[in-house]
């Protein structure tokens, strides 16, 4: 078996992903399979680099990379990234960063955020103009540093002193 470096000309999605590329001098590889790791999928851009395994007439792209868009990360860090600059970074000191240029959507029937720091008080900060489509329930005390504006009725239990 031979391993050959290739520059991708094109790649296409399908039940079997396919690519075409250039190999050694005057060599063009066309309509061959892209093999990927379970749980990861991508379609490399034209100009990306790849490694193909060649056994007789059987040619398969087994790895691809694109240094034009690759995210620089610290040793030990891991990232998923796109050519548009979006990424999920599993960084050092157990920090995870998600960057979406036009938004991040989480679609699930239930979503829980648990913030706990070594038995101390959890800290969750939302730094944005936010809209909550409810109902919204808050279990515990609510502190507001600013104005409360309501367009509907405010109800509750009256406070009695005494």
Foldseek 3Di string as FASTA:
>chain_A
DDKWKWFWQFWDDDPFIFTWTATPPPRIRGGAGEDDDPPDDDTDDGRWMFIWDDDPPHIYTDDIDRPCQDDDADPPKDKDADSVGFIWICHPPRDIDGDDPVDDDDDDPDDDDDADDPNDDGDDDDDDPDDDDDPDDDDDDDDDDDDDDDPDDDDDDDDDDD
